[in-house]
Structures are given as structure tokens and as C-alpha cells.
Protein backbone atom coordinates (compact mmCIF):
# COMPACT_ATOMS: atom_id res chain seq x y z
CA MET A 1 -11.99 -41.52 83.48
CA SER A 2 -11.50 -45.13 82.48
CA TYR A 3 -10.77 -47.58 79.69
CA ASN A 4 -13.14 -50.07 78.11
CA ILE A 5 -11.58 -53.31 76.88
CA PHE A 6 -12.99 -55.14 73.84
CA GLN A 7 -12.10 -58.66 72.69
CA ILE A 8 -13.44 -61.06 70.07
CA LYS A 9 -15.32 -63.87 71.80
CA LEU A 10 -15.60 -67.00 69.68
CA SER A 11 -18.51 -69.40 70.17
CA GLU A 12 -18.26 -73.14 70.69
CA SER A 13 -19.64 -73.66 67.18
CA VAL A 14 -16.68 -71.75 65.73
CA TYR A 15 -14.21 -73.82 67.76
CA ASP A 16 -16.01 -77.03 66.78
CA PHE A 17 -15.89 -76.11 63.09
CA VAL A 18 -12.23 -75.03 63.03
CA ASN A 19 -11.21 -78.24 64.81
CA GLY A 20 -13.57 -80.48 62.82
CA SER A 21 -12.84 -82.55 59.74
CA GLU A 22 -14.21 -79.90 57.35
CA GLY A 23 -12.72 -76.94 59.20
CA GLY A 24 -9.26 -75.48 59.37
CA HIS A 25 -8.40 -71.80 59.60
CA THR A 26 -9.14 -70.82 56.00
CA LYS A 27 -12.54 -72.51 55.74
CA THR A 28 -13.55 -71.26 59.19
CA ALA A 29 -12.57 -67.69 58.28
CA GLU A 30 -14.69 -67.97 55.13
CA LYS A 31 -17.72 -69.28 57.05
CA PHE A 32 -17.50 -67.17 60.23
CA PRO A 33 -16.73 -63.42 59.85
CA GLU A 34 -15.86 -63.19 63.55
CA TYR A 35 -13.16 -65.83 63.09
CA ASN A 36 -11.79 -63.97 60.09
CA ALA A 37 -11.65 -60.77 62.18
CA HIS A 38 -9.96 -62.71 64.98
CA LEU A 39 -7.28 -64.11 62.67
CA GLU A 40 -6.65 -60.85 60.84
CA THR A 41 -6.27 -58.74 63.98
CA GLN A 42 -4.45 -61.37 66.04
CA HIS A 43 -1.79 -61.84 63.37
CA ARG A 44 -1.68 -58.37 61.81
CA GLY A 45 -2.92 -56.01 64.53
CA SER A 46 -3.94 -52.62 63.14
CA GLU A 47 -2.97 -53.62 59.59
CA GLY A 48 -5.58 -56.38 59.64
CA PHE A 49 -8.35 -54.27 61.21
CA THR A 50 -11.23 -52.74 59.25
CA THR A 51 -14.03 -50.72 60.82
CA GLY A 52 -16.65 -53.39 60.03
CA MET A 53 -14.82 -55.84 62.28
CA PHE A 54 -15.72 -53.93 65.44
CA GLU A 55 -19.19 -55.53 65.40
CA HIS A 56 -17.47 -58.82 66.37
CA TYR A 57 -15.94 -57.36 69.53
CA THR A 58 -17.47 -57.59 73.00
CA LYS A 59 -16.72 -55.34 75.93
CA VAL A 60 -15.10 -57.65 78.50
CA CYS A 61 -14.12 -55.24 81.29
CA GLU A 62 -13.28 -51.71 82.38
CA VAL A 63 -10.02 -50.45 83.81
CA ALA A 64 -10.56 -47.51 86.17
CA GLY A 65 -8.66 -44.30 85.69
CA PHE A 66 -5.45 -43.75 87.56
CA GLU A 67 -3.02 -40.89 88.05
CA HIS A 68 -0.87 -41.52 85.00
CA ARG A 69 -3.14 -42.20 82.00
CA ASN A 70 -1.13 -44.60 79.95
CA LEU A 71 -2.07 -47.52 77.69
CA GLU A 72 1.11 -49.33 78.71
CA ILE A 73 -0.09 -49.39 82.33
CA VAL A 74 -3.44 -50.80 81.17
CA PHE A 75 -1.48 -53.50 79.32
CA LYS A 76 0.55 -54.30 82.44
CA ILE A 77 -2.53 -54.50 84.67
CA LEU A 78 -4.31 -56.87 82.27
CA ASN A 79 -1.24 -59.08 81.83
CA GLY A 80 -0.50 -59.83 85.48
CA PHE A 81 2.50 -57.50 85.83
CA TYR A 82 1.49 -56.68 89.41
CA PHE A 83 0.65 -60.27 90.41
CA ASP A 84 2.32 -61.20 93.72
CA GLU A 85 3.64 -64.77 93.48
CA GLU A 86 4.04 -65.12 97.25
CA THR A 87 0.47 -64.22 98.14
CA GLY A 88 -1.18 -65.35 94.90
CA THR A 89 -3.00 -62.02 94.63
CA ASP A 90 -3.06 -59.05 92.31
CA SER A 91 -4.21 -56.07 94.34
CA ILE A 92 -3.76 -53.66 91.41
CA PHE A 93 -6.04 -55.76 89.18
CA GLU A 94 -8.56 -56.06 91.99
CA GLU A 95 -8.51 -52.28 92.57
CA PHE A 96 -8.72 -51.05 88.98
CA VAL A 97 -10.47 -53.74 86.88
CA SER A 98 -14.23 -54.31 86.97
CA GLY A 99 -17.17 -55.31 84.82
CA PHE A 100 -15.81 -58.70 83.79
CA LYS A 101 -17.94 -61.84 83.85
CA MET A 102 -16.93 -65.15 85.36
CA LYS A 103 -17.35 -68.54 83.76
CA SER A 104 -17.18 -71.93 85.36
CA GLY A 105 -16.78 -75.45 84.17
CA VAL A 106 -15.41 -78.87 84.91
CA ARG A 107 -11.97 -80.08 83.85
CA LYS A 108 -11.35 -83.54 82.36
CA ASP A 109 -10.11 -84.69 85.76
CA GLY A 110 -13.48 -83.81 87.31
CA THR A 111 -12.37 -80.70 89.22
CA SER A 112 -14.32 -77.52 88.75
CA TYR A 113 -12.96 -74.10 87.85
CA ASN A 114 -14.13 -70.50 87.98
CA VAL A 115 -12.22 -68.02 85.78
CA ARG A 116 -12.63 -64.57 84.26
CA ASP A 117 -14.40 -64.71 80.88
CA MET A 118 -11.64 -62.77 79.14
CA HIS A 119 -8.00 -63.25 78.20
CA SER A 120 -4.98 -61.12 78.93
CA LEU A 121 -4.71 -58.00 76.76
CA SER A 122 -3.27 -59.25 73.47
CA VAL A 123 -2.59 -58.25 69.87
CA GLY A 124 -5.90 -57.45 68.17
CA ASP A 125 -7.74 -56.41 71.34
CA ILE A 126 -9.16 -52.89 71.46
CA VAL A 127 -8.90 -50.30 74.24
CA GLU A 128 -11.28 -47.33 74.38
CA ASP A 129 -10.14 -44.29 76.34
CA THR A 130 -13.45 -43.01 77.69
CA LEU A 131 -11.98 -39.58 78.47
CA THR A 132 -10.92 -38.86 74.88
CA GLY A 133 -13.30 -41.23 73.08
CA LYS A 134 -10.36 -42.66 71.13
CA PHE A 135 -9.93 -46.33 70.34
CA HIS A 136 -6.56 -48.10 70.13
CA ILE A 137 -5.79 -51.61 68.92
CA VAL A 138 -3.00 -53.61 70.52
CA ASP A 139 -0.27 -54.12 67.92
CA GLY A 140 2.76 -56.39 67.97
CA CYS A 141 4.62 -53.49 69.54
CA GLY A 142 2.54 -50.80 71.20
CA PHE A 143 -0.86 -49.43 70.27
CA THR A 144 -2.32 -47.82 67.15
CA GLU A 145 -5.29 -45.46 67.15
CA ILE A 146 -8.13 -46.80 65.00
CA ASN A 147 -11.56 -45.76 63.79
CA VAL A 148 -14.20 -48.27 64.88
CA LYS A 149 -17.17 -46.56 63.25
CA SER A 150 -17.78 -46.26 59.55
CA LEU A 151 -17.92 -42.68 58.32
CA GLU A 152 -20.07 -43.67 55.34
CA VAL A 153 -23.36 -41.78 55.00
CA ALA A 154 -26.37 -43.82 53.93
């Protein structure tokens, strides 16, 4: 009993294009389908989602099952609700979240960093309930069940 979390991961080439002289949001969305999916779902949530967009999502982590199955609790866990400012730790995240990758780099000031290769659960992200097999997209307010697979028969 767990939840799989899916997010759109944009490549450096997408970021370079959108920030370049020929880029911008509209031209980037036309050139890169994953950027279009990112914009549509980030700004419109379930209203911007179509089943074909799911191919642009990557599973970024799992949230283990807990006594009260609730998408709102998943949202809280992945948005630092249980982070303890005094100790600088999040024991709930550490207990229930797994499967994420780490990425490292060097800041402009020369210091290195090591962070989770995912962002907090946000509008447009998708949560799969592995117990029911249902998928929900994060909306501006709450969650909406979605179909991630095309029902078309070839």
C-alpha cells in the first residue's frame, strides 16, 4: 500500500531554449511537447491534462502507506509540513518517502550541494494510489482523478 509520485522533468536543453534569444514560453511549448505538458498542467491542472501527456512524466519517489490513506497527507509530507525547524529534520519524510534520486552540483559561489532530484508536490504533478490503481493530478485546490492511459484500440 503506497503512492507513486510522477513529475515532469525538463532537460537542460529545454531550459536553455526557453531562456535563449529564440525561446520564450510559446516557442518552447511548440518545439518541446514535454514543456507544453508542463505549462498546461502547471497552470491548468486537470483541465490542461490529456492522456498523451503522461509519457512526459517520470516517477520521482514513493510514499509508503500509512494508517489513514489520504492524498492530503501525501501532499503535506511532500511539502515539508512535518519539518522540524529546531532540529532541521523531517522524520515523517524520512520514514515514509523513498525511491528518490539525489543530484549534486556546484553553486556560483563555489560551494557544492546535494539535493533530492524532485520538487515539492505541486499543481500538475500526478499521484498513483497503488492500492486502487487510480491516478490523481494535483489541482489548484485538491486532487482530480484522471485517466493516464489511452483507451483507444489500434
